N, C-alpha and C. Protein backbone atom coordinates (compact mmCIF):
# COMPACT_ATOMS: atom_id res chain seq x y z
N MET A 1 -19.84 2.76 -9.93
CA MET A 1 -18.88 2.36 -8.93
C MET A 1 -19.57 1.68 -7.77
N GLU A 2 -20.87 1.80 -7.68
CA GLU A 2 -21.63 1.26 -6.55
C GLU A 2 -21.34 -0.21 -6.29
N GLY A 3 -21.33 -1.06 -7.32
CA GLY A 3 -21.17 -2.47 -7.10
C GLY A 3 -19.82 -3.02 -7.53
N ASP A 4 -18.90 -2.18 -7.93
CA ASP A 4 -17.62 -2.65 -8.46
C ASP A 4 -16.52 -2.50 -7.39
N PRO A 5 -16.15 -3.63 -6.75
CA PRO A 5 -15.14 -3.54 -5.69
C PRO A 5 -13.77 -3.10 -6.19
N LEU A 6 -13.42 -3.39 -7.43
CA LEU A 6 -12.13 -2.95 -7.97
C LEU A 6 -12.07 -1.44 -8.06
N LYS A 7 -13.13 -0.83 -8.60
CA LYS A 7 -13.16 0.63 -8.70
C LYS A 7 -13.17 1.27 -7.31
N LYS A 8 -13.90 0.67 -6.37
CA LYS A 8 -13.93 1.21 -5.00
C LYS A 8 -12.56 1.11 -4.35
N SER A 9 -11.85 0.00 -4.56
CA SER A 9 -10.53 -0.15 -3.94
C SER A 9 -9.52 0.83 -4.54
N LEU A 10 -9.60 1.07 -5.85
CA LEU A 10 -8.71 2.03 -6.49
C LEU A 10 -9.04 3.45 -6.04
N ALA A 11 -10.32 3.77 -5.88
CA ALA A 11 -10.71 5.08 -5.37
C ALA A 11 -10.22 5.25 -3.93
N TRP A 12 -10.30 4.20 -3.14
CA TRP A 12 -9.79 4.21 -1.76
C TRP A 12 -8.29 4.48 -1.78
N LEU A 13 -7.56 3.77 -2.61
CA LEU A 13 -6.12 3.96 -2.71
C LEU A 13 -5.77 5.39 -3.11
N HIS A 14 -6.43 5.92 -4.11
CA HIS A 14 -6.14 7.29 -4.54
C HIS A 14 -6.51 8.30 -3.45
N GLY A 15 -7.55 8.03 -2.69
CA GLY A 15 -7.89 8.88 -1.57
C GLY A 15 -6.82 8.90 -0.50
N VAL A 16 -6.24 7.73 -0.23
CA VAL A 16 -5.13 7.65 0.75
C VAL A 16 -3.90 8.35 0.20
N LEU A 17 -3.59 8.12 -1.08
CA LEU A 17 -2.42 8.76 -1.69
C LEU A 17 -2.51 10.28 -1.66
N GLN A 18 -3.72 10.81 -1.79
CA GLN A 18 -3.93 12.26 -1.81
C GLN A 18 -4.12 12.83 -0.39
N GLY A 19 -4.15 11.97 0.62
CA GLY A 19 -4.31 12.43 1.99
C GLY A 19 -5.74 12.74 2.37
N LYS A 20 -6.71 12.33 1.56
CA LYS A 20 -8.12 12.61 1.85
C LYS A 20 -8.72 11.54 2.75
N ILE A 21 -8.12 10.36 2.78
CA ILE A 21 -8.60 9.23 3.60
C ILE A 21 -7.45 8.77 4.47
N GLY A 22 -7.77 8.36 5.68
CA GLY A 22 -6.76 7.79 6.55
C GLY A 22 -6.00 8.84 7.32
N HIS A 23 -4.81 8.47 7.71
CA HIS A 23 -3.92 9.33 8.49
C HIS A 23 -2.74 9.76 7.61
N GLY A 24 -2.04 10.76 8.05
CA GLY A 24 -0.90 11.25 7.30
C GLY A 24 0.20 10.22 7.11
N ILE A 25 0.31 9.28 8.06
CA ILE A 25 1.38 8.28 7.96
C ILE A 25 1.16 7.37 6.75
N GLU A 26 -0.11 7.02 6.46
CA GLU A 26 -0.36 6.18 5.29
C GLU A 26 0.02 6.91 4.00
N THR A 27 -0.32 8.18 3.92
CA THR A 27 0.03 8.97 2.73
C THR A 27 1.54 9.04 2.57
N ARG A 28 2.24 9.21 3.69
CA ARG A 28 3.70 9.29 3.63
C ARG A 28 4.34 7.96 3.24
N VAL A 29 3.82 6.86 3.79
CA VAL A 29 4.35 5.53 3.48
C VAL A 29 4.14 5.18 2.01
N LEU A 30 2.99 5.57 1.46
CA LEU A 30 2.67 5.23 0.08
C LEU A 30 3.18 6.24 -0.93
N GLN A 31 3.91 7.23 -0.46
CA GLN A 31 4.45 8.26 -1.36
C GLN A 31 5.28 7.58 -2.46
N GLY A 32 4.97 7.82 -3.70
CA GLY A 32 5.69 7.24 -4.81
C GLY A 32 5.11 5.94 -5.33
N LEU A 33 4.06 5.43 -4.70
CA LEU A 33 3.41 4.19 -5.16
C LEU A 33 2.62 4.49 -6.42
N ARG A 34 2.71 3.63 -7.42
CA ARG A 34 1.88 3.79 -8.60
C ARG A 34 1.34 2.42 -9.01
N VAL A 35 0.14 2.43 -9.50
CA VAL A 35 -0.52 1.21 -9.95
C VAL A 35 -0.08 0.92 -11.37
N ILE A 36 0.49 -0.27 -11.55
CA ILE A 36 0.89 -0.68 -12.89
C ILE A 36 -0.22 -1.47 -13.57
N HIS A 37 -0.84 -2.36 -12.81
CA HIS A 37 -1.93 -3.20 -13.33
C HIS A 37 -2.89 -3.50 -12.20
N ALA A 38 -4.17 -3.47 -12.47
CA ALA A 38 -5.17 -3.77 -11.46
C ALA A 38 -6.31 -4.57 -12.07
N GLU A 39 -6.61 -5.67 -11.43
CA GLU A 39 -7.80 -6.44 -11.76
C GLU A 39 -8.32 -7.06 -10.47
N LYS A 40 -9.50 -7.61 -10.53
CA LYS A 40 -10.12 -8.14 -9.33
C LYS A 40 -9.23 -9.21 -8.69
N GLY A 41 -8.76 -8.91 -7.47
CA GLY A 41 -7.94 -9.87 -6.72
C GLY A 41 -6.46 -9.85 -7.04
N PHE A 42 -6.03 -9.00 -7.97
CA PHE A 42 -4.61 -8.92 -8.34
C PHE A 42 -4.25 -7.49 -8.67
N MET A 43 -3.18 -7.01 -8.05
CA MET A 43 -2.68 -5.69 -8.36
C MET A 43 -1.16 -5.72 -8.42
N GLN A 44 -0.63 -4.96 -9.35
CA GLN A 44 0.81 -4.84 -9.48
C GLN A 44 1.15 -3.35 -9.32
N PHE A 45 2.14 -3.09 -8.47
CA PHE A 45 2.52 -1.72 -8.16
C PHE A 45 3.97 -1.47 -8.48
N GLY A 46 4.28 -0.23 -8.77
CA GLY A 46 5.67 0.23 -8.86
C GLY A 46 5.91 1.11 -7.64
N PHE A 47 7.09 1.01 -7.07
CA PHE A 47 7.36 1.78 -5.85
C PHE A 47 8.84 2.07 -5.75
N VAL A 48 9.15 3.34 -5.51
CA VAL A 48 10.53 3.75 -5.22
C VAL A 48 10.54 4.19 -3.77
N VAL A 49 11.45 3.63 -3.00
CA VAL A 49 11.52 3.94 -1.57
C VAL A 49 11.82 5.44 -1.43
N PRO A 50 10.93 6.15 -0.69
CA PRO A 50 11.11 7.61 -0.56
C PRO A 50 12.24 7.96 0.39
N ASN A 51 12.72 9.17 0.27
CA ASN A 51 13.79 9.67 1.13
C ASN A 51 13.18 10.14 2.44
N VAL A 52 13.14 9.26 3.45
CA VAL A 52 12.48 9.62 4.72
C VAL A 52 13.42 9.50 5.93
N ASP A 53 14.64 9.04 5.77
CA ASP A 53 15.55 8.83 6.89
C ASP A 53 16.87 9.56 6.62
N VAL A 54 17.40 10.24 7.62
CA VAL A 54 18.65 10.98 7.45
C VAL A 54 19.83 10.07 7.18
N ASP A 55 19.73 8.78 7.56
CA ASP A 55 20.81 7.84 7.35
C ASP A 55 20.70 7.12 6.00
N GLY A 56 19.67 7.43 5.23
CA GLY A 56 19.50 6.76 3.94
C GLY A 56 18.79 5.42 4.02
N ASN A 57 18.14 5.13 5.14
CA ASN A 57 17.43 3.87 5.33
C ASN A 57 15.93 4.13 5.43
N TRP A 58 15.15 3.16 5.00
CA TRP A 58 13.71 3.24 5.14
C TRP A 58 13.34 2.44 6.39
N HIS A 59 12.50 2.99 7.24
CA HIS A 59 12.15 2.35 8.52
C HIS A 59 11.38 1.05 8.27
N VAL A 60 11.68 0.01 9.06
CA VAL A 60 11.03 -1.29 8.87
C VAL A 60 9.53 -1.21 9.12
N GLY A 61 9.10 -0.31 9.99
CA GLY A 61 7.67 -0.12 10.23
C GLY A 61 6.96 0.43 9.00
N ALA A 62 7.66 1.24 8.22
CA ALA A 62 7.09 1.77 6.98
C ALA A 62 6.87 0.64 5.98
N LEU A 63 7.81 -0.29 5.91
CA LEU A 63 7.68 -1.45 5.01
C LEU A 63 6.49 -2.31 5.44
N ALA A 64 6.35 -2.54 6.74
CA ALA A 64 5.21 -3.32 7.24
C ALA A 64 3.90 -2.62 6.92
N SER A 65 3.85 -1.31 7.07
CA SER A 65 2.64 -0.55 6.76
C SER A 65 2.30 -0.62 5.27
N LEU A 66 3.33 -0.53 4.44
CA LEU A 66 3.13 -0.65 2.99
C LEU A 66 2.50 -2.00 2.65
N LEU A 67 3.06 -3.08 3.19
CA LEU A 67 2.51 -4.41 2.92
C LEU A 67 1.07 -4.52 3.40
N ASP A 68 0.78 -3.98 4.57
CA ASP A 68 -0.57 -4.04 5.13
C ASP A 68 -1.55 -3.28 4.27
N LEU A 69 -1.20 -2.07 3.86
CA LEU A 69 -2.09 -1.25 3.05
C LEU A 69 -2.34 -1.85 1.66
N VAL A 70 -1.28 -2.29 1.02
CA VAL A 70 -1.41 -2.89 -0.31
C VAL A 70 -2.22 -4.18 -0.24
N GLY A 71 -1.99 -4.96 0.80
CA GLY A 71 -2.76 -6.21 0.99
C GLY A 71 -4.24 -5.92 1.20
N ALA A 72 -4.56 -4.91 1.99
CA ALA A 72 -5.95 -4.57 2.25
C ALA A 72 -6.65 -4.06 0.98
N ILE A 73 -5.95 -3.24 0.22
CA ILE A 73 -6.51 -2.70 -1.01
C ILE A 73 -6.77 -3.80 -2.03
N THR A 74 -5.83 -4.72 -2.15
CA THR A 74 -5.98 -5.84 -3.10
C THR A 74 -7.10 -6.76 -2.64
N THR A 75 -7.17 -7.05 -1.36
CA THR A 75 -8.24 -7.91 -0.83
C THR A 75 -9.60 -7.27 -1.07
N PHE A 76 -9.71 -5.97 -0.84
CA PHE A 76 -10.96 -5.26 -1.06
C PHE A 76 -11.41 -5.35 -2.51
N SER A 77 -10.45 -5.34 -3.43
CA SER A 77 -10.79 -5.41 -4.86
C SER A 77 -11.47 -6.73 -5.22
N TYR A 78 -11.30 -7.73 -4.40
CA TYR A 78 -11.88 -9.05 -4.64
C TYR A 78 -13.09 -9.31 -3.77
N ALA A 79 -12.94 -9.00 -2.47
CA ALA A 79 -13.95 -9.40 -1.50
C ALA A 79 -14.99 -8.31 -1.21
N ASP A 80 -14.72 -7.07 -1.66
CA ASP A 80 -15.59 -5.92 -1.39
C ASP A 80 -15.73 -5.63 0.11
N CYS A 81 -14.73 -6.04 0.87
CA CYS A 81 -14.65 -5.71 2.30
C CYS A 81 -13.21 -5.92 2.74
N VAL A 82 -12.88 -5.34 3.85
CA VAL A 82 -11.54 -5.55 4.41
C VAL A 82 -11.66 -6.65 5.46
N SER A 83 -10.90 -7.73 5.26
CA SER A 83 -10.96 -8.84 6.20
C SER A 83 -9.56 -9.45 6.31
N ASN A 84 -9.39 -10.24 7.32
CA ASN A 84 -8.11 -10.93 7.52
C ASN A 84 -8.08 -12.19 6.66
N VAL A 85 -7.36 -12.11 5.55
CA VAL A 85 -7.26 -13.26 4.67
C VAL A 85 -5.81 -13.71 4.47
N ALA A 86 -4.88 -12.96 5.02
CA ALA A 86 -3.48 -13.28 4.83
C ALA A 86 -2.73 -13.06 6.12
N ASP A 87 -1.69 -13.84 6.30
CA ASP A 87 -0.80 -13.68 7.44
C ASP A 87 0.56 -13.33 6.90
N PHE A 88 0.95 -12.08 7.08
CA PHE A 88 2.24 -11.64 6.58
C PHE A 88 3.32 -11.96 7.61
N ASN A 89 4.38 -12.58 7.15
CA ASN A 89 5.52 -12.84 7.99
C ASN A 89 6.70 -12.22 7.26
N VAL A 90 7.22 -11.14 7.81
CA VAL A 90 8.27 -10.38 7.16
C VAL A 90 9.58 -10.59 7.93
N SER A 91 10.62 -10.98 7.23
CA SER A 91 11.96 -11.11 7.82
C SER A 91 12.84 -10.03 7.22
N TYR A 92 13.57 -9.33 8.07
CA TYR A 92 14.43 -8.26 7.62
C TYR A 92 15.88 -8.73 7.66
N TYR A 93 16.49 -8.86 6.52
CA TYR A 93 17.89 -9.29 6.44
C TYR A 93 18.85 -8.11 6.37
N SER A 94 18.35 -6.99 5.86
CA SER A 94 19.15 -5.77 5.84
C SER A 94 18.19 -4.60 5.71
N THR A 95 18.70 -3.41 5.88
CA THR A 95 17.86 -2.24 5.75
C THR A 95 17.54 -1.96 4.29
N VAL A 96 16.41 -1.31 4.10
CA VAL A 96 16.02 -0.91 2.74
C VAL A 96 16.58 0.49 2.53
N LYS A 97 17.33 0.64 1.45
CA LYS A 97 17.93 1.92 1.13
C LYS A 97 16.98 2.77 0.32
N ILE A 98 17.05 4.07 0.52
CA ILE A 98 16.21 4.97 -0.24
C ILE A 98 16.63 5.00 -1.71
N GLN A 99 15.65 5.32 -2.56
CA GLN A 99 15.84 5.44 -3.99
C GLN A 99 16.31 4.13 -4.59
């Protein structure tokens, strides 16, 4: 794993998912995320929006955090470092419903 950025990025992701790395908010935001396919510079995930809001909506900040974390993990799998390589512009047309 020493020189393989893909393995390091997947280990990083699993550490965050298990709450061993990062803060509790990252673990909560990524709850239910699963890796479908992973290769250097490309990852495909499955995700079901978790039940985190009493009104049945997922907070827009949680969506932004999800995009940020997944982008960083995917970038790391290619570049072997976390760097600013993308500019996310997210427009919210409606709320994201749970499940």
